[in-house]
Protein backbone atom coordinates (compact mmCIF):
# COMPACT_ATOMS: atom_id res chain seq x y z
CA MET A 1 116.96 143.24 110.89
CA VAL A 2 119.84 142.07 108.69
CA HIS A 3 118.77 139.71 105.89
CA LEU A 4 121.05 137.73 104.21
CA PRO A 5 120.89 136.82 100.43
CA GLN A 6 119.77 133.53 99.24
CA LEU A 7 122.26 130.45 98.50
CA LYS A 8 123.10 129.64 95.03
CA ILE A 9 123.40 125.65 94.85
CA PRO A 10 123.94 123.60 91.67
CA ALA A 11 121.14 121.21 91.25
CA THR A 12 119.31 118.86 88.88
CA TYR A 13 115.51 118.34 88.91
CA MET A 14 115.06 114.67 87.46
CA ARG A 15 112.20 111.95 86.94
CA GLY A 16 112.95 108.59 87.87
CA GLY A 17 110.31 106.13 87.37
CA THR A 18 107.04 107.60 88.69
CA SER A 19 109.02 110.07 91.05
CA LYS A 20 110.48 113.24 90.74
CA GLY A 21 113.35 114.70 93.00
CA VAL A 22 116.08 117.37 93.40
CA PHE A 23 119.70 115.83 92.92
CA PHE A 24 122.85 117.22 94.12
CA SER A 25 126.57 116.30 94.18
CA LEU A 26 127.82 116.11 97.72
CA ASN A 27 130.64 118.46 97.17
CA ASP A 28 128.22 121.03 95.74
CA LEU A 29 126.49 121.39 98.71
CA PRO A 30 127.48 124.09 101.42
CA THR A 31 130.17 122.62 103.98
CA GLU A 32 127.60 122.62 106.84
CA ALA A 33 125.31 120.51 104.51
CA GLN A 34 128.05 117.98 103.34
CA VAL A 35 127.69 115.76 106.55
CA PRO A 36 124.36 114.75 108.14
CA GLY A 37 122.55 116.64 110.83
CA PRO A 38 120.31 119.45 111.44
CA TYR A 39 121.68 122.17 108.91
CA ARG A 40 121.35 119.55 106.02
CA ASP A 41 118.10 118.93 106.96
CA ALA A 42 117.06 122.53 107.35
CA LEU A 43 118.37 123.20 103.86
CA LEU A 44 116.71 120.22 102.07
CA LEU A 45 113.38 121.26 103.91
CA ARG A 46 113.74 124.73 102.57
CA ILE A 47 114.63 123.90 98.96
CA ILE A 48 111.54 121.45 98.86
CA GLY A 49 109.31 124.01 100.62
CA SER A 50 108.29 122.19 103.86
CA PRO A 51 107.11 122.35 106.30
CA ASP A 52 103.92 123.67 104.42
CA PRO A 53 100.76 123.97 106.35
CA TYR A 54 98.77 124.55 103.10
CA SER A 55 100.36 121.05 101.78
CA LYS A 56 101.21 122.62 98.67
CA GLN A 57 105.00 123.36 98.95
CA THR A 58 104.58 126.56 96.68
CA ASP A 59 107.80 128.03 97.92
CA GLY A 60 109.96 125.22 96.83
CA MET A 61 110.80 122.77 94.52
CA GLY A 62 108.25 119.92 96.11
CA GLY A 63 105.09 118.89 94.15
CA ALA A 64 102.77 118.16 97.28
CA THR A 65 102.91 114.46 97.04
CA SER A 66 104.87 111.77 98.42
CA SER A 67 106.21 111.00 94.84
CA THR A 68 107.31 114.53 94.57
CA SER A 69 108.71 115.57 97.92
CA LYS A 70 112.18 113.90 97.38
CA THR A 71 115.77 114.93 97.49
CA VAL A 72 118.94 112.67 96.50
CA ILE A 73 122.79 113.27 97.19
CA LEU A 74 125.35 111.72 95.38
CA SER A 75 128.90 110.99 95.56
CA LYS A 76 131.96 109.04 94.26
CA SER A 77 131.31 105.78 95.97
CA SER A 78 133.43 105.17 99.24
CA GLN A 79 132.73 101.53 98.80
CA VAL A 80 134.65 98.98 96.59
CA ASP A 81 133.70 97.92 93.28
CA HIS A 82 130.94 100.45 93.30
CA ASP A 83 131.06 103.83 91.31
CA VAL A 84 128.71 106.16 93.04
CA ASP A 85 127.12 106.37 96.65
CA TYR A 86 123.27 107.39 96.61
CA LEU A 87 121.77 108.99 99.66
CA PHE A 88 118.01 109.32 99.53
CA GLY A 89 116.06 111.98 101.83
CA GLN A 90 112.06 111.80 101.89
CA VAL A 91 111.04 115.17 102.87
CA ALA A 92 107.84 115.54 104.65
CA ILE A 93 105.08 117.91 103.27
CA ASP A 94 103.49 119.61 106.51
CA LYS A 95 106.14 118.80 108.96
CA ALA A 96 109.62 119.62 109.74
CA PHE A 97 111.48 116.59 108.94
CA VAL A 98 113.56 114.37 106.39
CA ASP A 99 113.08 110.83 106.60
CA TRP A 100 116.50 108.72 105.91
CA SER A 101 115.28 105.60 106.77
CA GLY A 102 114.69 103.91 103.25
CA ASN A 103 115.69 104.07 99.74
CA CYS A 104 113.46 105.37 96.73
CA GLY A 105 113.27 102.54 94.18
CA ASN A 106 111.97 104.92 91.49
CA LEU A 107 114.68 107.55 91.81
CA SER A 108 117.21 104.62 91.59
CA ALA A 109 116.45 104.64 87.93
CA ALA A 110 117.69 108.36 87.52
CA VAL A 111 120.89 107.77 89.53
CA GLY A 112 123.03 106.44 87.15
CA SER A 113 122.43 109.11 84.57
CA PHE A 114 122.95 111.79 87.24
CA ALA A 115 126.11 110.21 88.14
CA ILE A 116 127.60 109.96 84.46
CA SER A 117 126.41 113.22 83.55
CA SER A 118 127.99 114.53 86.87
CA ARG A 119 131.39 112.93 86.04
CA LEU A 120 131.13 110.81 89.29
CA VAL A 121 132.00 107.71 87.13
CA ASP A 122 135.24 106.86 85.69
CA LYS A 123 135.18 107.27 82.04
CA ALA A 124 137.11 104.47 81.32
CA ARG A 125 134.09 102.49 82.41
CA LEU A 126 131.60 104.19 80.00
CA PRO A 127 131.05 102.76 76.48
CA GLU A 128 130.58 105.40 73.70
CA ASN A 129 127.51 103.32 72.55
CA GLY A 130 125.54 100.53 74.45
CA MET A 131 124.82 100.04 78.12
CA ALA A 132 126.84 101.42 80.92
CA THR A 133 126.65 99.19 83.99
CA ILE A 134 126.61 101.76 86.89
CA ARG A 135 127.38 100.00 90.38
CA ILE A 136 125.38 101.94 92.89
CA TRP A 137 125.83 101.99 96.58
CA GLN A 138 122.33 102.64 98.33
CA ALA A 139 123.83 104.42 101.39
CA ASN A 140 120.54 104.32 103.47
CA ILE A 141 119.73 100.95 103.56
CA LYS A 142 123.59 99.85 102.27
CA LYS A 143 122.62 97.72 99.44
CA THR A 144 123.93 97.50 95.97
CA ILE A 145 121.77 98.44 92.97
CA ILE A 146 122.96 97.95 89.37
CA ALA A 147 121.79 100.23 86.88
CA GLN A 148 121.99 99.80 82.98
CA VAL A 149 121.76 102.98 81.48
CA PRO A 150 121.73 103.34 77.59
CA MET A 151 124.27 105.58 75.91
CA THR A 152 124.76 107.19 72.35
CA ASN A 153 127.81 109.11 71.12
CA GLY A 154 129.08 108.85 74.83
CA GLU A 155 126.00 110.56 76.11
CA VAL A 156 123.24 109.27 78.45
CA GLN A 157 120.32 108.31 76.01
CA GLU A 158 117.11 109.64 77.81
CA THR A 159 114.83 109.51 74.96
CA GLY A 160 113.02 106.56 73.61
CA ASP A 161 109.99 104.36 73.22
CA PHE A 162 109.73 102.47 76.47
CA GLU A 163 106.23 103.08 78.40
CA LEU A 164 105.92 102.93 81.99
CA ASP A 165 102.28 103.12 83.46
CA GLY A 166 101.94 106.13 85.98
CA VAL A 167 104.34 108.23 83.34
CA THR A 168 102.62 109.71 80.82
CA PHE A 169 105.32 110.08 77.95
CA PRO A 170 107.97 107.39 76.78
CA ALA A 171 111.46 107.54 77.32
CA ALA A 172 114.54 105.08 77.26
CA GLU A 173 114.23 101.74 79.34
CA VAL A 174 116.55 101.58 82.23
CA SER A 175 116.66 98.19 83.74
CA ILE A 176 117.47 98.31 87.45
CA GLU A 177 118.65 94.94 89.48
CA PHE A 178 118.56 95.05 93.41
CA ILE A 179 121.10 92.78 94.82
CA ASN A 180 120.16 91.24 97.91
CA PRO A 181 117.60 93.47 98.53
CA GLY A 182 116.45 92.26 102.17
CA ALA A 183 116.32 95.63 104.11
CA GLY A 184 118.49 94.58 107.19
CA GLY A 185 117.88 91.40 109.25
CA ALA A 186 115.92 88.70 108.27
CA MET A 187 113.41 89.24 105.53
CA PHE A 188 110.64 87.84 107.72
CA PRO A 189 111.18 89.67 110.93
CA THR A 190 108.84 87.58 112.78
CA GLY A 191 109.76 84.38 111.25
CA ASN A 192 106.34 83.95 109.69
CA LEU A 193 105.36 84.30 106.17
CA VAL A 194 101.78 85.10 107.20
CA ASP A 195 100.99 86.62 110.69
CA ASP A 196 98.02 87.54 112.71
CA LEU A 197 98.60 91.33 113.21
CA GLU A 198 96.28 92.70 116.10
CA VAL A 199 95.26 96.16 115.52
CA PRO A 200 92.91 97.69 118.05
CA GLY A 201 89.91 99.32 116.32
CA VAL A 202 90.39 97.30 113.31
CA GLY A 203 90.51 93.50 114.25
CA THR A 204 93.22 90.91 113.64
CA LEU A 205 94.38 90.91 110.22
CA ARG A 206 96.37 88.11 108.36
CA ALA A 207 99.68 89.89 107.14
CA THR A 208 102.77 89.33 105.55
CA LEU A 209 105.75 91.53 107.00
CA ILE A 210 108.57 91.47 104.74
CA ASN A 211 111.74 93.27 104.80
CA ALA A 212 112.78 93.40 101.12
CA GLY A 213 113.51 96.63 98.97
CA ILE A 214 111.71 98.45 101.95
CA PRO A 215 109.87 97.09 105.18
CA THR A 216 106.35 96.30 103.83
CA ILE A 217 103.32 95.50 105.46
CA PHE A 218 100.76 93.28 103.27
CA ILE A 219 97.41 92.73 103.98
CA GLN A 220 94.36 91.46 102.28
CA ALA A 221 91.86 94.04 100.57
CA GLU A 222 88.89 92.23 101.68
CA ASP A 223 89.88 92.18 105.12
CA VAL A 224 89.67 95.88 105.29
CA GLY A 225 86.71 96.36 103.49
CA TYR A 226 88.32 96.77 100.03
CA LYS A 227 88.36 95.13 96.37
CA GLY A 228 91.74 95.77 95.46
CA THR A 229 90.83 97.94 92.36
CA GLU A 230 90.35 101.36 94.29
CA LEU A 231 92.19 104.42 92.71
CA GLN A 232 93.47 107.36 94.64
CA ASP A 233 90.45 109.28 95.43
CA ASP A 234 88.85 106.34 96.72
CA ILE A 235 91.15 106.17 99.82
CA ASN A 236 92.81 109.56 99.92
CA ASN A 237 89.40 111.36 100.14
CA ASP A 238 88.45 109.22 102.79
CA SER A 239 89.94 110.36 106.54
CA THR A 240 88.86 107.66 108.20
CA ALA A 241 90.43 104.90 105.80
CA LEU A 242 93.87 107.01 106.03
CA ALA A 243 93.64 106.91 109.50
CA MET A 244 92.78 103.27 109.66
CA PHE A 245 95.75 102.47 107.50
CA GLU A 246 98.12 104.77 109.47
CA THR A 247 96.89 102.76 112.66
CA ILE A 248 97.90 99.35 110.71
CA ARG A 249 101.14 100.71 109.67
CA SER A 250 102.27 101.70 113.27
CA HIS A 251 101.15 98.57 114.83
CA GLY A 252 102.88 96.69 111.61
CA ALA A 253 106.27 98.67 112.29
CA LEU A 254 106.10 97.82 115.91
CA LYS A 255 105.55 93.93 115.43
CA MET A 256 108.44 94.07 112.62
CA GLY A 257 110.59 95.50 115.38
CA LEU A 258 111.24 98.72 113.41
CA ILE A 259 109.99 100.97 116.55
CA SER A 260 109.84 100.29 120.29
CA HIS A 261 107.00 102.30 120.77
CA LEU A 262 103.64 103.29 118.81
CA ASP A 263 104.70 107.26 119.21
CA GLU A 264 107.99 106.50 117.13
CA ALA A 265 105.69 105.71 113.84
CA LYS A 266 105.22 109.58 113.60
CA THR A 267 108.65 110.23 112.85
CA ARG A 268 108.90 107.51 110.59
CA GLN A 269 106.52 108.08 107.82
CA HIS A 270 108.61 106.78 105.17
CA THR A 271 108.93 103.38 106.49
CA PRO A 272 107.18 100.78 106.50
CA LYS A 273 104.87 100.74 103.42
CA VAL A 274 101.45 99.39 103.94
CA ALA A 275 99.73 97.77 100.89
CA PHE A 276 96.71 95.85 100.04
CA ILE A 277 96.45 93.04 97.89
CA ALA A 278 93.73 91.04 95.99
CA LYS A 279 93.35 88.40 93.55
CA PRO A 280 93.10 89.51 89.70
CA SER A 281 90.13 91.40 88.49
CA ASP A 282 88.93 94.08 85.62
CA TYR A 283 89.43 97.61 86.71
CA VAL A 284 90.00 100.97 85.10
CA SER A 285 92.98 102.86 85.81
CA SER A 286 93.45 106.45 86.29
CA SER A 287 94.18 107.15 82.93
CA GLY A 288 90.62 105.43 81.81
CA ARG A 289 92.65 102.26 80.52
CA SER A 290 90.52 99.04 80.79
CA ILE A 291 92.54 96.44 82.53
CA ILE A 292 91.46 92.91 82.33
CA ALA A 293 91.95 90.39 85.12
CA SER A 294 93.89 87.87 82.60
CA ASP A 295 96.37 90.78 82.09
CA ILE A 296 97.74 90.61 85.65
CA ASP A 297 98.55 88.34 88.60
CA LEU A 298 97.11 90.13 91.34
CA GLN A 299 96.06 93.64 92.56
CA VAL A 300 98.32 95.45 94.72
CA ARG A 301 97.66 99.06 96.15
CA ALA A 302 100.28 100.94 98.31
CA LEU A 303 100.65 103.80 100.67
CA SER A 304 103.35 106.19 100.98
CA MET A 305 103.63 109.02 103.51
CA GLY A 306 100.09 108.60 104.44
CA MET A 307 98.59 108.59 101.08
CA LEU A 308 97.51 106.15 98.80
CA HIS A 309 100.27 106.21 95.94
CA HIS A 310 99.08 107.10 92.15
CA ALA A 311 101.13 103.94 90.87
CA MET A 312 103.71 101.91 92.67
CA MET A 313 106.78 102.93 94.80
CA GLY A 314 109.81 101.02 93.53
CA THR A 315 111.02 99.92 96.60
CA ALA A 316 107.43 98.43 97.36
CA ALA A 317 107.73 96.71 93.98
CA VAL A 318 110.96 94.81 95.02
CA ALA A 319 109.17 93.98 97.91
CA ILE A 320 106.08 92.48 95.95
CA ALA A 321 108.51 90.84 93.72
CA ALA A 322 110.21 89.30 96.83
CA ALA A 323 107.19 88.18 98.61
CA ALA A 324 105.70 86.82 95.39
CA ALA A 325 108.67 84.45 94.83
CA VAL A 326 108.33 82.78 98.12
CA PRO A 327 105.50 80.40 98.28
CA GLY A 328 102.62 81.05 100.98
CA THR A 329 103.03 84.55 101.50
CA LEU A 330 99.83 86.49 101.16
CA VAL A 331 101.28 88.13 98.19
CA ASN A 332 102.23 84.49 96.48
CA LEU A 333 98.96 83.14 96.96
CA ALA A 334 96.85 86.23 95.71
CA ALA A 335 98.98 85.50 92.50
CA GLY A 336 98.20 81.70 92.44
CA GLY A 337 100.82 80.11 94.53
CA GLY A 338 103.51 77.96 93.59
CA LYS A 339 107.03 79.04 92.47
CA LEU A 340 106.85 82.72 90.87
CA ASP A 341 109.97 84.11 89.51
CA ALA A 342 107.90 87.15 88.25
CA VAL A 343 104.56 88.64 88.39
CA ARG A 344 102.43 91.42 86.77
CA PHE A 345 100.47 93.53 89.30
CA GLY A 346 97.68 95.87 88.80
CA HIS A 347 97.94 99.21 90.40
CA PRO A 348 96.08 102.45 90.14
CA SER A 349 97.79 103.81 86.79
CA GLY A 350 97.96 100.30 85.31
CA THR A 351 100.36 97.45 85.44
CA LEU A 352 104.11 96.67 86.28
CA ARG A 353 106.09 93.47 85.52
CA VAL A 354 108.69 92.40 88.53
CA GLY A 355 110.91 89.55 88.95
CA ALA A 356 112.81 87.97 91.96
CA GLU A 357 115.14 85.14 92.34
CA ALA A 358 114.58 83.54 96.23
CA ASN A 359 116.25 80.63 97.99
CA ASN A 360 115.81 78.73 101.22
CA SER A 361 118.73 78.40 102.96
CA ASP A 362 118.30 76.51 106.37
CA GLY A 363 114.78 77.51 106.65
CA ASN A 364 115.47 81.10 106.02
CA TRP A 365 114.45 82.81 102.85
CA VAL A 366 116.89 85.18 101.17
CA VAL A 367 116.05 86.92 97.98
CA THR A 368 119.32 87.22 95.87
CA LYS A 369 118.01 89.96 93.15
CA ALA A 370 114.80 91.62 92.07
CA ILE A 371 114.85 92.99 88.81
CA MET A 372 112.49 95.71 87.05
CA SER A 373 112.12 98.30 84.12
CA ARG A 374 111.91 101.73 84.76
CA SER A 375 112.80 105.22 82.65
CA ALA A 376 114.40 108.60 83.74
CA ARG A 377 115.64 112.14 82.56
CA VAL A 378 116.51 115.29 83.24
CA LEU A 379 113.62 117.78 83.86
CA MET A 380 116.01 120.89 84.60
CA GLU A 381 119.39 121.72 85.54
CA GLY A 382 121.37 124.86 86.95
CA TRP A 383 121.10 125.89 90.45
CA VAL A 384 118.40 126.06 93.48
CA ARG A 385 118.18 129.32 95.17
CA VAL A 386 117.44 129.08 98.74
CA PRO A 387 117.21 131.41 101.84
CA PRO A 388 120.24 130.03 104.21
CA PRO A 389 118.57 128.19 106.87
CA LEU A 390 117.77 130.15 110.28
CA GLY A 391 120.21 129.94 112.88
CA ASN A 392 123.30 129.22 110.71
């Protein structure tokens, strides 16, 4: 039997916010992987090390969590007034599929840096010193993201003193603006700010179903037996709890019109997200830091790819900001109600401040912009080695 040699593909391993992923320039991929399809998916799965029945991704670049099983493909933008097209693939850990249905808000913070370093941005648009404004076209959801990337002596400035809860070390601050972040269609797909979501075996839950940043289902922590101060082990070590949240997510996806049958949720793990919220309260973060109720406006815990996230997904943070800006949603009410341009919420690793601008036009709510700060840096650059996908 003849065994083909490994492929050698230029790649960069980057942290963006509280996530990590493998970044590629589109033109550096094998020709067959430069277009969507089974070959591209098979290649990315093998690079990350999936599917892995041991859920460790030992034979790949993945880190065995939803935050570290990610891929990004960038190219010069095909859109007017944009610099770079950004395509995100969430790689399943123990299953053989790549979910292209949504964005990664955390890795959005690294897109500008990679685009500049990979010469995907016209040099004339880059200052020698100061802030480079990078116009990103998010190809999964067809939305615009604006990243403010610091520059020093013509190079991306990655070091700094900006601290982000969920990331151990400080780095340079990258401001991210999500323009018109509605994830397609109406921001509230049912037409309601709060719905009664019927979930067999769980009950009827009050829920805010929102398409902003990423489709998200917000429920109240107390309605499912929690306080909103839980850390990862409180949820992720409880198989019954995880099954309950997946059932909630599946029925929420159906009610939002994202799927036409419950079985489809199994192949759409990246979206929607499910999050449970509560009013402010004291708690101790996963790093051991005491957070007091007066430091935050509300508590939010969110699940990603079937597990409680160690901090907060960037796209879910956009959904939190958007929902908080609309009076009457569960998120808005948990944060005190009324007009809220920005909120600081508690998550397992600490706190995060997010803001949004929302307007009501003819009875329909529209969020024009959501803003947050993250950080990003290159961890390693060079080539990934990967066996050619079978059958190609």
